[in-house]
Amino acid sequence: MHRPAVMNRIWFYLILAAVVCAVFSGNLAETTKSSFESAKLAVNLALGLIGAMTLWLGLVKVAEEGGLLVLIARAVRGVLVRLFPNVPPEHPAMSAMVLNLSANALGLGNAATPLGIKAMIELQKLNPHPHRATDAMCLFLAINTSNVTLLPLGVIAVRAAAGASEPAAIILPTLFATTCSTVAAVAAAKFLARLYGPEPAPVRQEAPAEKEDAPQEARFPTYRLPSWEKAVILGSVLLLLFGFGKMFWQNPSAQTLKEAVSFGIVPLLMIFLLAFGYWRGVPVYEAACEGGKEGFKVAVRIIPFLVMILVAVGMSLQLYNKKNIQVLLQEFF
C-alpha cells in the first residue's frame, strides 16, 4: 500500500486549521487576504531567484565543461564516499554538493542557493522513488542547514552596520558552533537512516518524472588557447594580487579587510570559474548561456512548490495573532 509523504498531511492541516480558526475568530477577511499576498510573495521570490540561478548555474556549466567539477570530486572523494555511499564518486551530484558547501562556508548565500538546488536535482536523478527523499538528500540537507562557516560575512556586515567595535570577532565562535552543529546533523541523519533500514540501490538514469523537463546536456568543442592569451590571463591574476596587496598596504585596517572579504570573494570566484574554463579552451559565453537555461528552468519549476508552502504558512500565521488567540479562548473556554 502506497503511503503518501508526510508533507501532504502537514500542508493540508495547516490550511484546515487556518480556515477553521478564521471562522470562529471572525478573521476570514484577513485569512483570505493573506492567501493571495502569500501567493504573490512566492512568485516574486522565485522571480528574484531566476537571475541568481541563471548566473551561477551558467558559471558552473563553464567549470563543468572545463573539467573542474571532476577534479573537485576526485579531491574530496574519500570524505564524500563515506558520507554518501549510495552516490557514485564522480557523479555530478558530488561536485555540486562540494561547491554548495564551499559557498556556504565562505558566507556566499546568494551563490550557495543555486548550487544547492543543482545538487538536489542531480541527487534526484539517482532516486529510485521520485516522490520520496533519499538518505543522501536528507544528509545533504542536514549538512547544508548546519554548514561549517569559515567566514560569516552576512553577520559581520550586520555587526559592522550596527557599530560593533570588532565586527569580525565572531569568526572563531561561529566556526566552533557550526562545526558542532554539523557533527550533530551528520550523526542525526546517519542514525535515522539506520533506524529506517537500508534504502534500495540508486538508479543510474534520470527519474521518469524528470525526463520531460530535463535540459539536454550540451558538450562544446574545446580549442587550444594561444600562448599570448595564457600570458594575459596569468598577468591579470598577478595584477589582481598586486591590487589587493596595494589596498592593504595603503590602508592596513580591519575595515579594509572586511570590505575586501565581503565584496571581493564573489567576483573573484566568478573570475576563477571563467578563467579555468577559458584556460581549458571552453567557449565560456556559449557554455554559460547553456547552463543559464537550466537555471531559468529550475527557478520556474520551483514556483508551484513555493506558492503552496507560503500560502499555507501565510494563512496559518493568522492563528498566532494575539486578537485571534483571545477570541478563540473566549469561544471555547
C-alpha atoms as a PDB file:
ATOM      1  CA  MET A   1       0.000   0.000   0.000  1.00  0.00           C
ATOM      2  CA  HIS A   2       1.378   3.378  -1.045  1.00  0.00           C
ATOM      3  CA  ARG A   3       1.932   5.763   1.864  1.00  0.00           C
ATOM      4  CA  PRO A   4       1.719   9.460   0.995  1.00  0.00           C
ATOM      5  CA  ALA A   5       4.533  11.729   2.080  1.00  0.00           C
ATOM      6  CA  VAL A   6       4.167  13.382   5.488  1.00  0.00           C
ATOM      7  CA  MET A   7       4.303  16.749   3.740  1.00  0.00           C
ATOM      8  CA  ASN A   8       0.796  16.122   2.369  1.00  0.00           C
ATOM      9  CA  ARG A   9      -0.637  15.951   5.886  1.00  0.00           C
ATOM     10  CA  ILE A  10       1.328  18.931   7.160  1.00  0.00           C
ATOM     11  CA  TRP A  11       0.210  21.118   4.256  1.00  0.00           C
ATOM     12  CA  PHE A  12      -3.436  20.011   4.470  1.00  0.00           C
ATOM     13  CA  TYR A  13      -3.757  20.505   8.223  1.00  0.00           C
ATOM     14  CA  LEU A  14      -2.041  23.901   8.132  1.00  0.00           C
ATOM     15  CA  ILE A  15      -4.706  25.189   5.741  1.00  0.00           C
ATOM     16  CA  LEU A  16      -7.539  23.351   7.516  1.00  0.00           C
ATOM     17  CA  ALA A  17      -6.568  24.756  10.923  1.00  0.00           C
ATOM     18  CA  ALA A  18      -6.196  28.258   9.487  1.00  0.00           C
ATOM     19  CA  VAL A  19      -9.675  28.219   7.918  1.00  0.00           C
ATOM     20  CA  VAL A  20     -11.411  26.664  10.951  1.00  0.00           C
ATOM     21  CA  CYS A  21      -9.843  29.159  13.346  1.00  0.00           C
ATOM     22  CA  ALA A  22     -10.624  32.032  10.974  1.00  0.00           C
ATOM     23  CA  VAL A  23     -14.311  31.061  11.028  1.00  0.00           C
ATOM     24  CA  PHE A  24     -14.503  31.021  14.838  1.00  0.00           C
ATOM     25  CA  SER A  25     -12.449  34.191  15.300  1.00  0.00           C
ATOM     26  CA  GLY A  26     -14.231  36.168  12.588  1.00  0.00           C
ATOM     27  CA  ASN A  27     -10.952  36.618  10.757  1.00  0.00           C
ATOM     28  CA  LEU A  28     -11.939  35.299   7.325  1.00  0.00           C
ATOM     29  CA  ALA A  29     -11.133  38.544   5.503  1.00  0.00           C
ATOM     30  CA  GLU A  30      -7.553  38.652   6.821  1.00  0.00           C
ATOM     31  CA  THR A  31      -7.034  34.946   6.100  1.00  0.00           C
ATOM     32  CA  THR A  32      -8.261  35.335   2.523  1.00  0.00           C
ATOM     33  CA  LYS A  33      -6.067  38.393   2.021  1.00  0.00           C
ATOM     34  CA  SER A  34      -3.084  36.528   3.448  1.00  0.00           C
ATOM     35  CA  SER A  35      -3.544  33.654   0.989  1.00  0.00           C
ATOM     36  CA  PHE A  36      -3.361  35.983  -2.035  1.00  0.00           C
ATOM     37  CA  GLU A  37      -0.464  38.000  -0.615  1.00  0.00           C
ATOM     38  CA  SER A  38       1.497  34.838   0.165  1.00  0.00           C
ATOM     39  CA  ALA A  39       0.954  33.503  -3.365  1.00  0.00           C
ATOM     40  CA  LYS A  40       2.193  36.804  -4.795  1.00  0.00           C
ATOM     41  CA  LEU A  41       5.193  36.754  -2.455  1.00  0.00           C
ATOM     42  CA  ALA A  42       6.120  33.234  -3.570  1.00  0.00           C
ATOM     43  CA  VAL A  43       6.139  34.214  -7.252  1.00  0.00           C
ATOM     44  CA  ASN A  44       8.145  37.381  -6.555  1.00  0.00           C
ATOM     45  CA  LEU A  45      10.622  35.312  -4.565  1.00  0.00           C
ATOM     46  CA  ALA A  46      11.031  32.856  -7.439  1.00  0.00           C
ATOM     47  CA  LEU A  47      11.415  35.683  -9.964  1.00  0.00           C
ATOM     48  CA  GLY A  48      14.139  37.184  -7.811  1.00  0.00           C
ATOM     49  CA  LEU A  49      15.855  33.806  -7.750  1.00  0.00           C
ATOM     50  CA  ILE A  50      15.851  33.435 -11.544  1.00  0.00           C
ATOM     51  CA  GLY A  51      18.703  35.904 -12.011  1.00  0.00           C
ATOM     52  CA  ALA A  52      20.972  34.260  -9.438  1.00  0.00           C
ATOM     53  CA  MET A  53      20.107  30.766 -10.691  1.00  0.00           C
ATOM     54  CA  THR A  54      20.810  31.710 -14.308  1.00  0.00           C
ATOM     55  CA  LEU A  55      24.136  33.376 -13.487  1.00  0.00           C
ATOM     56  CA  TRP A  56      25.606  30.776 -11.149  1.00  0.00           C
ATOM     57  CA  LEU A  57      24.455  27.670 -12.997  1.00  0.00           C
ATOM     58  CA  GLY A  58      25.912  29.264 -16.117  1.00  0.00           C
ATOM     59  CA  LEU A  59      29.252  29.665 -14.346  1.00  0.00           C
ATOM     60  CA  VAL A  60      29.048  26.106 -13.030  1.00  0.00           C
ATOM     61  CA  LYS A  61      28.438  24.889 -16.581  1.00  0.00           C
ATOM     62  CA  VAL A  62      31.659  26.592 -17.677  1.00  0.00           C
ATOM     63  CA  ALA A  63      33.545  24.888 -14.845  1.00  0.00           C
ATOM     64  CA  GLU A  64      31.918  21.554 -15.694  1.00  0.00           C
ATOM     65  CA  GLU A  65      32.909  21.780 -19.354  1.00  0.00           C
ATOM     66  CA  GLY A  66      36.465  22.585 -18.284  1.00  0.00           C
ATOM     67  CA  GLY A  67      36.617  19.533 -16.005  1.00  0.00           C
ATOM     68  CA  LEU A  68      36.791  21.422 -12.702  1.00  0.00           C
ATOM     69  CA  LEU A  69      33.881  19.554 -11.122  1.00  0.00           C
ATOM     70  CA  VAL A  70      35.525  16.199 -11.802  1.00  0.00           C
ATOM     71  CA  LEU A  71      38.772  17.435 -10.236  1.00  0.00           C
ATOM     72  CA  ILE A  72      36.911  18.668  -7.149  1.00  0.00           C
ATOM     73  CA  ALA A  73      35.021  15.396  -6.784  1.00  0.00           C
ATOM     74  CA  ARG A  74      38.275  13.426  -7.004  1.00  0.00           C
ATOM     75  CA  ALA A  75      39.992  15.683  -4.452  1.00  0.00           C
ATOM     76  CA  VAL A  76      37.356  15.085  -1.764  1.00  0.00           C
ATOM     77  CA  ARG A  77      36.396  11.599  -2.875  1.00  0.00           C
ATOM     78  CA  GLY A  78      37.461   9.914   0.378  1.00  0.00           C
ATOM     79  CA  VAL A  79      35.232  12.026   2.614  1.00  0.00           C
ATOM     80  CA  LEU A  80      32.238  12.107   0.282  1.00  0.00           C
ATOM     81  CA  VAL A  81      32.253   8.359  -0.384  1.00  0.00           C
ATOM     82  CA  ARG A  82      31.965   7.730   3.354  1.00  0.00           C
ATOM     83  CA  LEU A  83      29.231  10.317   3.831  1.00  0.00           C
ATOM     84  CA  PHE A  84      27.287   9.444   0.665  1.00  0.00           C
ATOM     85  CA  PRO A  85      27.963   5.758  -0.083  1.00  0.00           C
ATOM     86  CA  ASN A  86      24.974   5.481  -2.436  1.00  0.00           C
ATOM     87  CA  VAL A  87      26.173   8.295  -4.721  1.00  0.00           C
ATOM     88  CA  PRO A  88      28.740   7.330  -7.397  1.00  0.00           C
ATOM     89  CA  PRO A  89      32.063   9.075  -6.626  1.00  0.00           C
ATOM     90  CA  GLU A  90      32.295  11.031  -9.896  1.00  0.00           C
ATOM     91  CA  HIS A  91      28.591  11.756 -10.309  1.00  0.00           C
ATOM     92  CA  PRO A  92      27.784  15.469 -10.925  1.00  0.00           C
ATOM     93  CA  ALA A  93      25.904  15.498  -7.611  1.00  0.00           C
ATOM     94  CA  MET A  94      29.187  15.113  -5.719  1.00  0.00           C
ATOM     95  CA  SER A  95      30.848  18.174  -7.221  1.00  0.00           C
ATOM     96  CA  ALA A  96      27.644  20.219  -6.973  1.00  0.00           C
ATOM     97  CA  MET A  97      27.399  19.421  -3.260  1.00  0.00           C
ATOM     98  CA  VAL A  98      31.043  20.387  -2.740  1.00  0.00           C
ATOM     99  CA  LEU A  99      30.533  23.735  -4.483  1.00  0.00           C
ATOM    100  CA  ASN A 100      27.403  24.430  -2.435  1.00  0.00           C
ATOM    101  CA  LEU A 101      29.051  23.596   0.883  1.00  0.00           C
ATOM    102  CA  SER A 102      32.121  25.634  -0.063  1.00  0.00           C
ATOM    103  CA  ALA A 103      29.989  28.662  -0.917  1.00  0.00           C
ATOM    104  CA  ASN A 104      28.128  28.313   2.382  1.00  0.00           C
ATOM    105  CA  ALA A 105      31.410  28.025   4.277  1.00  0.00           C
ATOM    106  CA  LEU A 106      32.533  31.327   2.765  1.00  0.00           C
ATOM    107  CA  GLY A 107      29.234  33.009   3.571  1.00  0.00           C
ATOM    108  CA  LEU A 108      28.193  33.335  -0.088  1.00  0.00           C
ATOM    109  CA  GLY A 109      24.482  32.777   0.443  1.00  0.00           C
ATOM    110  CA  ASN A 110      23.389  34.088  -2.976  1.00  0.00           C
ATOM    111  CA  ALA A 111      25.805  31.752  -4.734  1.00  0.00           C
ATOM    112  CA  ALA A 112      25.114  28.787  -2.456  1.00  0.00           C
ATOM    113  CA  THR A 113      21.351  28.644  -3.092  1.00  0.00           C
ATOM    114  CA  PRO A 114      21.523  27.874  -6.851  1.00  0.00           C
ATOM    115  CA  LEU A 115      24.313  25.366  -6.262  1.00  0.00           C
ATOM    116  CA  GLY A 116      22.274  23.623  -3.561  1.00  0.00           C
ATOM    117  CA  ILE A 117      19.262  23.320  -5.861  1.00  0.00           C
ATOM    118  CA  LYS A 118      21.553  21.995  -8.601  1.00  0.00           C
ATOM    119  CA  ALA A 119      22.893  19.356  -6.192  1.00  0.00           C
ATOM    120  CA  MET A 120      19.374  18.260  -5.246  1.00  0.00           C
ATOM    121  CA  ILE A 121      18.431  17.932  -8.918  1.00  0.00           C
ATOM    122  CA  GLU A 122      21.450  15.696  -9.518  1.00  0.00           C
ATOM    123  CA  LEU A 123      20.617  13.600  -6.439  1.00  0.00           C
ATOM    124  CA  GLN A 124      17.045  13.239  -7.687  1.00  0.00           C
ATOM    125  CA  LYS A 125      18.387  11.595 -10.851  1.00  0.00           C
ATOM    126  CA  LEU A 126      19.648   8.746  -8.630  1.00  0.00           C
ATOM    127  CA  ASN A 127      16.384   8.430  -6.726  1.00  0.00           C
ATOM    128  CA  PRO A 128      14.532   5.126  -7.353  1.00  0.00           C
ATOM    129  CA  HIS A 129      11.422   6.626  -5.705  1.00  0.00           C
ATOM    130  CA  PRO A 130      10.989  10.135  -7.185  1.00  0.00           C
ATOM    131  CA  HIS A 131       8.339  11.173  -4.646  1.00  0.00           C
ATOM    132  CA  ARG A 132      10.473  10.324  -1.587  1.00  0.00           C
ATOM    133  CA  ALA A 133      13.738  11.852  -0.457  1.00  0.00           C
ATOM    134  CA  THR A 134      16.730   9.515  -0.336  1.00  0.00           C
ATOM    135  CA  ASP A 135      19.151   9.200   2.575  1.00  0.00           C
ATOM    136  CA  ALA A 136      21.693  11.196   0.562  1.00  0.00           C
ATOM    137  CA  MET A 137      19.191  14.021   0.064  1.00  0.00           C
ATOM    138  CA  CYS A 138      18.344  14.133   3.769  1.00  0.00           C
ATOM    139  CA  LEU A 139      22.006  14.088   4.782  1.00  0.00           C
ATOM    140  CA  PHE A 140      22.898  16.822   2.297  1.00  0.00           C
ATOM    141  CA  LEU A 141      20.030  18.973   3.565  1.00  0.00           C
ATOM    142  CA  ALA A 142      21.183  18.461   7.156  1.00  0.00           C
ATOM    143  CA  ILE A 143      24.778  19.401   6.326  1.00  0.00           C
ATOM    144  CA  ASN A 144      23.628  22.349   4.235  1.00  0.00           C
ATOM    145  CA  THR A 145      21.482  23.692   7.063  1.00  0.00           C
ATOM    146  CA  SER A 146      24.210  23.384   9.691  1.00  0.00           C
ATOM    147  CA  ASN A 147      27.115  24.010   7.338  1.00  0.00           C
ATOM    148  CA  VAL A 148      30.539  24.799   8.801  1.00  0.00           C
ATOM    149  CA  THR A 149      31.028  28.548   8.311  1.00  0.00           C
ATOM    150  CA  LEU A 150      34.552  29.879   7.940  1.00  0.00           C
ATOM    151  CA  LEU A 151      33.578  33.454   7.086  1.00  0.00           C
ATOM    152  CA  PRO A 152      30.125  34.586   8.316  1.00  0.00           C
ATOM    153  CA  LEU A 153      30.161  37.592   6.006  1.00  0.00           C
ATOM    154  CA  GLY A 154      26.480  38.429   6.397  1.00  0.00           C
ATOM    155  CA  VAL A 155      26.636  38.578  10.183  1.00  0.00           C
ATOM    156  CA  ILE A 156      29.907  40.515  10.083  1.00  0.00           C
ATOM    157  CA  ALA A 157      28.305  43.093   7.795  1.00  0.00           C
ATOM    158  CA  VAL A 158      25.289  43.437  10.114  1.00  0.00           C
ATOM    159  CA  ARG A 159      27.548  43.865  13.153  1.00  0.00           C
ATOM    160  CA  ALA A 160      29.607  46.485  11.348  1.00  0.00           C
ATOM    161  CA  ALA A 161      26.467  48.388  10.344  1.00  0.00           C
ATOM    162  CA  ALA A 162      25.279  48.254  13.965  1.00  0.00           C
ATOM    163  CA  GLY A 163      28.502  49.892  15.127  1.00  0.00           C
ATOM    164  CA  ALA A 164      30.224  46.890  16.724  1.00  0.00           C
ATOM    165  CA  SER A 165      33.808  47.642  17.757  1.00  0.00           C
ATOM    166  CA  GLU A 166      35.078  44.309  16.377  1.00  0.00           C
ATOM    167  CA  PRO A 167      32.616  43.002  13.754  1.00  0.00           C
ATOM    168  CA  ALA A 168      34.851  40.054  12.823  1.00  0.00           C
ATOM    169  CA  ALA A 169      35.263  38.840  16.414  1.00  0.00           C
ATOM    170  CA  ILE A 170      32.555  36.213  15.826  1.00  0.00           C
ATOM    171  CA  ILE A 171      34.598  34.215  13.311  1.00  0.00           C
ATOM    172  CA  LEU A 172      36.059  31.706  15.798  1.00  0.00           C
ATOM    173  CA  PRO A 173      32.845  31.273  17.868  1.00  0.00           C
ATOM    174  CA  THR A 174      30.878  30.816  14.646  1.00  0.00           C
ATOM    175  CA  LEU A 175      33.362  28.245  13.366  1.00  0.00           C
ATOM    176  CA  PHE A 176      33.154  26.295  16.634  1.00  0.00           C
ATOM    177  CA  ALA A 177      29.342  26.454  16.804  1.00  0.00           C
ATOM    178  CA  THR A 178      28.788  25.456  13.174  1.00  0.00           C
ATOM    179  CA  THR A 179      31.307  22.619  13.453  1.00  0.00           C
ATOM    180  CA  CYS A 180      29.391  21.222  16.430  1.00  0.00           C
ATOM    181  CA  SER A 181      26.064  21.652  14.633  1.00  0.00           C
ATOM    182  CA  THR A 182      27.371  19.913  11.513  1.00  0.00           C
ATOM    183  CA  VAL A 183      28.668  16.947  13.530  1.00  0.00           C
ATOM    184  CA  ALA A 184      25.278  16.714  15.251  1.00  0.00           C
ATOM    185  CA  ALA A 185      23.448  16.961  11.912  1.00  0.00           C
ATOM    186  CA  VAL A 186      25.515  14.184  10.325  1.00  0.00           C
ATOM    187  CA  ALA A 187      25.089  11.962  13.388  1.00  0.00           C
ATOM    188  CA  ALA A 188      21.316  12.509  13.449  1.00  0.00           C
ATOM    189  CA  ALA A 189      20.939  11.854   9.714  1.00  0.00           C
ATOM    190  CA  LYS A 190      23.022   8.671   9.863  1.00  0.00           C
ATOM    191  CA  PHE A 191      21.156   7.429  12.951  1.00  0.00           C
ATOM    192  CA  LEU A 192      17.739   7.972  11.369  1.00  0.00           C
ATOM    193  CA  ALA A 193      18.896   6.355   8.119  1.00  0.00           C
ATOM    194  CA  ARG A 194      19.891   3.203  10.019  1.00  0.00           C
ATOM    195  CA  LEU A 195      16.712   3.335  12.082  1.00  0.00           C
ATOM    196  CA  TYR A 196      14.546   3.070   8.972  1.00  0.00           C
ATOM    197  CA  GLY A 197      16.725   0.442   7.308  1.00  0.00           C
ATOM    198  CA  PRO A 198      18.823   0.482   4.138  1.00  0.00           C
ATOM    199  CA  GLU A 199      17.344   2.078   1.047  1.00  0.00           C
ATOM    200  CA  PRO A 200      17.353   0.453  -2.423  1.00  0.00           C
ATOM    201  CA  ALA A 201      20.402   0.838  -4.635  1.00  0.00           C
ATOM    202  CA  PRO A 202      20.237   4.061  -6.664  1.00  0.00           C
ATOM    203  CA  VAL A 203      19.269   4.011 -10.306  1.00  0.00           C
ATOM    204  CA  ARG A 204      21.804   5.380 -12.752  1.00  0.00           C
ATOM    205  CA  GLN A 205      19.374   7.074 -15.099  1.00  0.00           C
ATOM    206  CA  GLU A 206      17.112  10.044 -14.636  1.00  0.00           C
ATOM    207  CA  ALA A 207      13.867   9.518 -12.809  1.00  0.00           C
ATOM    208  CA  PRO A 208      10.854   9.342 -15.172  1.00  0.00           C
ATOM    209  CA  ALA A 209       9.284  12.442 -13.667  1.00  0.00           C
ATOM    210  CA  GLU A 210      12.355  14.497 -14.601  1.00  0.00           C
ATOM    211  CA  LYS A 211      12.917  13.292 -18.165  1.00  0.00           C
ATOM    212  CA  GLU A 212      10.362  15.541 -19.799  1.00  0.00           C
ATOM    213  CA  ASP A 213      11.720  18.795 -18.428  1.00  0.00           C
ATOM    214  CA  ALA A 214      15.376  17.837 -18.035  1.00  0.00           C
ATOM    215  CA  PRO A 215      17.687  20.009 -20.151  1.00  0.00           C
ATOM    216  CA  GLN A 216      19.788  18.285 -22.741  1.00  0.00           C
ATOM    217  CA  GLU A 217      23.454  18.054 -21.839  1.00  0.00           C
ATOM    218  CA  ALA A 218      25.463  20.161 -24.245  1.00  0.00           C
ATOM    219  CA  ARG A 219      29.098  19.383 -24.956  1.00  0.00           C
ATOM    220  CA  PHE A 220      31.073  22.204 -26.519  1.00  0.00           C
ATOM    221  CA  PRO A 221      34.112  21.698 -28.758  1.00  0.00           C
ATOM    222  CA  THR A 222      37.191  22.956 -26.938  1.00  0.00           C
ATOM    223  CA  TYR A 223      40.099  24.729 -28.594  1.00  0.00           C
ATOM    224  CA  ARG A 224      43.768  25.233 -27.843  1.00  0.00           C
ATOM    225  CA  LEU A 225      44.388  28.545 -26.123  1.00  0.00           C
ATOM    226  CA  PRO A 226      47.197  30.608 -27.729  1.00  0.00           C
ATOM    227  CA  SER A 227      50.266  31.260 -25.616  1.00  0.00           C
ATOM    228  CA  TRP A 228      49.726  35.026 -25.632  1.00  0.00           C
ATOM    229  CA  GLU A 229      46.238  34.602 -24.136  1.00  0.00           C
ATOM    230  CA  LYS A 230      47.623  32.399 -21.391  1.00  0.00           C
ATOM    231  CA  ALA A 231      50.162  35.128 -20.679  1.00  0.00           C
ATOM    232  CA  VAL A 232      47.348  37.700 -20.498  1.00  0.00           C
ATOM    233  CA  ILE A 233      45.399  35.558 -18.011  1.00  0.00           C
ATOM    234  CA  LEU A 234      48.454  34.999 -15.813  1.00  0.00           C
ATOM    235  CA  GLY A 235      49.270  38.701 -15.959  1.00  0.00           C
ATOM    236  CA  SER A 236      45.718  39.572 -14.944  1.00  0.00           C
ATOM    237  CA  VAL A 237      45.947  37.235 -11.955  1.00  0.00           C
ATOM    238  CA  LEU A 238      49.183  38.908 -10.887  1.00  0.00           C
ATOM    239  CA  LEU A 239      47.543  42.326 -11.276  1.00  0.00           C
ATOM    240  CA  LEU A 240      44.674  41.213  -9.039  1.00  0.00           C
ATOM    241  CA  LEU A 241      47.082  40.031  -6.369  1.00  0.00           C
ATOM    242  CA  PHE A 242      49.048  43.272  -6.666  1.00  0.00           C
ATOM    243  CA  GLY A 243      45.835  45.299  -6.387  1.00  0.00           C
ATOM    244  CA  PHE A 244      44.768  43.552  -3.193  1.00  0.00           C
ATOM    245  CA  GLY A 245      48.246  43.907  -1.752  1.00  0.00           C
ATOM    246  CA  LYS A 246      48.303  47.609  -2.575  1.00  0.00           C
ATOM    247  CA  MET A 247      44.889  48.043  -0.942  1.00  0.00           C
ATOM    248  CA  PHE A 248      46.132  46.619   2.354  1.00  0.00           C
ATOM    249  CA  TRP A 249      49.461  48.432   2.118  1.00  0.00           C
ATOM    250  CA  GLN A 250      47.791  51.828   1.767  1.00  0.00           C
ATOM    251  CA  ASN A 251      45.134  51.220   4.414  1.00  0.00           C
ATOM    252  CA  PRO A 252      46.053  48.309   6.739  1.00  0.00           C
ATOM    253  CA  SER A 253      42.891  48.254   8.840  1.00  0.00           C
ATOM    254  CA  ALA A 254      40.180  45.815   9.854  1.00  0.00           C
ATOM    255  CA  GLN A 255      37.677  47.808   7.780  1.00  0.00           C
ATOM    256  CA  THR A 256      39.743  47.284   4.628  1.00  0.00           C
ATOM    257  CA  LEU A 257      39.969  43.565   5.335  1.00  0.00           C
ATOM    258  CA  LYS A 258      36.223  43.358   5.931  1.00  0.00           C
ATOM    259  CA  GLU A 259      35.420  45.166   2.676  1.00  0.00           C
ATOM    260  CA  ALA A 260      37.846  43.018   0.707  1.00  0.00           C
ATOM    261  CA  VAL A 261      36.377  39.824   2.132  1.00  0.00           C
ATOM    262  CA  SER A 262      32.746  40.951   1.917  1.00  0.00           C
ATOM    263  CA  PHE A 263      32.817  42.342  -1.605  1.00  0.00           C
ATOM    264  CA  GLY A 264      35.805  40.619  -3.172  1.00  0.00           C
ATOM    265  CA  ILE A 265      35.082  36.919  -2.802  1.00  0.00           C
ATOM    266  CA  VAL A 266      32.107  36.732  -5.179  1.00  0.00           C
ATOM    267  CA  PRO A 267      33.775  38.454  -8.176  1.00  0.00           C
ATOM    268  CA  LEU A 268      36.989  36.516  -7.531  1.00  0.00           C
ATOM    269  CA  LEU A 269      35.032  33.251  -7.547  1.00  0.00           C
ATOM    270  CA  MET A 270      33.363  34.275 -10.813  1.00  0.00           C
ATOM    271  CA  ILE A 271      36.723  35.126 -12.369  1.00  0.00           C
ATOM    272  CA  PHE A 272      38.200  31.830 -11.176  1.00  0.00           C
ATOM    273  CA  LEU A 273      35.412  29.717 -12.711  1.00  0.00           C
ATOM    274  CA  LEU A 274      35.508  31.615 -16.007  1.00  0.00           C
ATOM    275  CA  ALA A 275      39.311  31.705 -16.203  1.00  0.00           C
ATOM    276  CA  PHE A 276      39.551  27.970 -15.529  1.00  0.00           C
ATOM    277  CA  GLY A 277      37.122  27.196 -18.329  1.00  0.00           C
ATOM    278  CA  TYR A 278      38.719  29.668 -20.737  1.00  0.00           C
ATOM    279  CA  TRP A 279      42.187  28.287 -19.968  1.00  0.00           C
ATOM    280  CA  ARG A 280      40.917  24.791 -20.820  1.00  0.00           C
ATOM    281  CA  GLY A 281      39.584  26.023 -24.171  1.00  0.00           C
ATOM    282  CA  VAL A 282      35.879  26.151 -23.285  1.00  0.00           C
ATOM    283  CA  PRO A 283      33.727  28.677 -25.210  1.00  0.00           C
ATOM    284  CA  VAL A 284      32.763  30.396 -21.963  1.00  0.00           C
ATOM    285  CA  TYR A 285      29.944  32.593 -23.283  1.00  0.00           C
ATOM    286  CA  GLU A 286      28.138  29.760 -25.054  1.00  0.00           C
ATOM    287  CA  ALA A 287      28.599  27.384 -22.122  1.00  0.00           C
ATOM    288  CA  ALA A 288      27.392  29.994 -19.615  1.00  0.00           C
ATOM    289  CA  CYS A 289      24.267  30.678 -21.689  1.00  0.00           C
ATOM    290  CA  GLU A 290      23.537  26.961 -21.969  1.00  0.00           C
ATOM    291  CA  GLY A 291      23.919  26.488 -18.219  1.00  0.00           C
ATOM    292  CA  GLY A 292      21.832  29.602 -17.616  1.00  0.00           C
ATOM    293  CA  LYS A 293      18.929  27.987 -19.471  1.00  0.00           C
ATOM    294  CA  GLU A 294      18.940  25.212 -16.895  1.00  0.00           C
ATOM    295  CA  GLY A 295      18.945  27.781 -14.085  1.00  0.00           C
ATOM    296  CA  PHE A 296      15.925  29.521 -15.592  1.00  0.00           C
ATOM    297  CA  LYS A 297      14.009  26.242 -15.911  1.00  0.00           C
ATOM    298  CA  VAL A 298      14.819  25.244 -12.335  1.00  0.00           C
ATOM    299  CA  ALA A 299      13.680  28.596 -10.941  1.00  0.00           C
ATOM    300  CA  VAL A 300      10.383  28.367 -12.831  1.00  0.00           C
ATOM    301  CA  ARG A 301       9.913  24.729 -11.789  1.00  0.00           C
ATOM    302  CA  ILE A 302      10.001  25.554  -8.071  1.00  0.00           C
ATOM    303  CA  ILE A 303       7.276  28.237  -8.295  1.00  0.00           C
ATOM    304  CA  PRO A 304       4.352  25.820  -7.585  1.00  0.00           C
ATOM    305  CA  PHE A 305       6.126  24.433  -4.513  1.00  0.00           C
ATOM    306  CA  LEU A 306       6.876  27.916  -3.178  1.00  0.00           C
ATOM    307  CA  VAL A 307       3.303  29.060  -3.758  1.00  0.00           C
ATOM    308  CA  MET A 308       1.730  26.103  -1.948  1.00  0.00           C
ATOM    309  CA  ILE A 309       4.106  26.268   1.030  1.00  0.00           C
ATOM    310  CA  LEU A 310       3.991  30.035   1.517  1.00  0.00           C
ATOM    311  CA  VAL A 311       0.203  30.178   1.167  1.00  0.00           C
ATOM    312  CA  ALA A 312      -0.203  27.532   3.882  1.00  0.00           C
ATOM    313  CA  VAL A 313       2.318  29.279   6.132  1.00  0.00           C
ATOM    314  CA  GLY A 314       0.821  32.716   5.494  1.00  0.00           C
ATOM    315  CA  MET A 315      -2.694  31.542   6.317  1.00  0.00           C
ATOM    316  CA  SER A 316      -1.592  29.646   9.421  1.00  0.00           C
ATOM    317  CA  LEU A 317       0.297  32.680  10.745  1.00  0.00           C
ATOM    318  CA  GLN A 318      -3.076  34.305  11.308  1.00  0.00           C
ATOM    319  CA  LEU A 319      -3.563  31.778  14.122  1.00  0.00           C
ATOM    320  CA  TYR A 320      -0.822  33.462  16.129  1.00  0.00           C
ATOM    321  CA  ASN A 321      -2.421  36.891  16.061  1.00  0.00           C
ATOM    322  CA  LYS A 322      -2.960  37.974  19.682  1.00  0.00           C
ATOM    323  CA  LYS A 323      -6.520  39.086  18.990  1.00  0.00           C
ATOM    324  CA  ASN A 324      -7.388  35.763  17.349  1.00  0.00           C
ATOM    325  CA  ILE A 325      -5.998  33.791  20.280  1.00  0.00           C
ATOM    326  CA  GLN A 326      -8.100  35.797  22.741  1.00  0.00           C
ATOM    327  CA  VAL A 327     -11.262  35.293  20.655  1.00  0.00           C
ATOM    328  CA  LEU A 328     -10.658  31.543  20.350  1.00  0.00           C
ATOM    329  CA  LEU A 329     -10.038  31.185  24.088  1.00  0.00           C
ATOM    330  CA  GLN A 330     -13.262  33.037  24.869  1.00  0.00           C
ATOM    331  CA  GLU A 331     -15.157  30.940  22.302  1.00  0.00           C
ATOM    332  CA  PHE A 332     -14.119  27.557  23.683  1.00  0.00           C
ATOM    333  CA  PHE A 333     -13.304  28.262  27.312  1.00  0.00           C
END
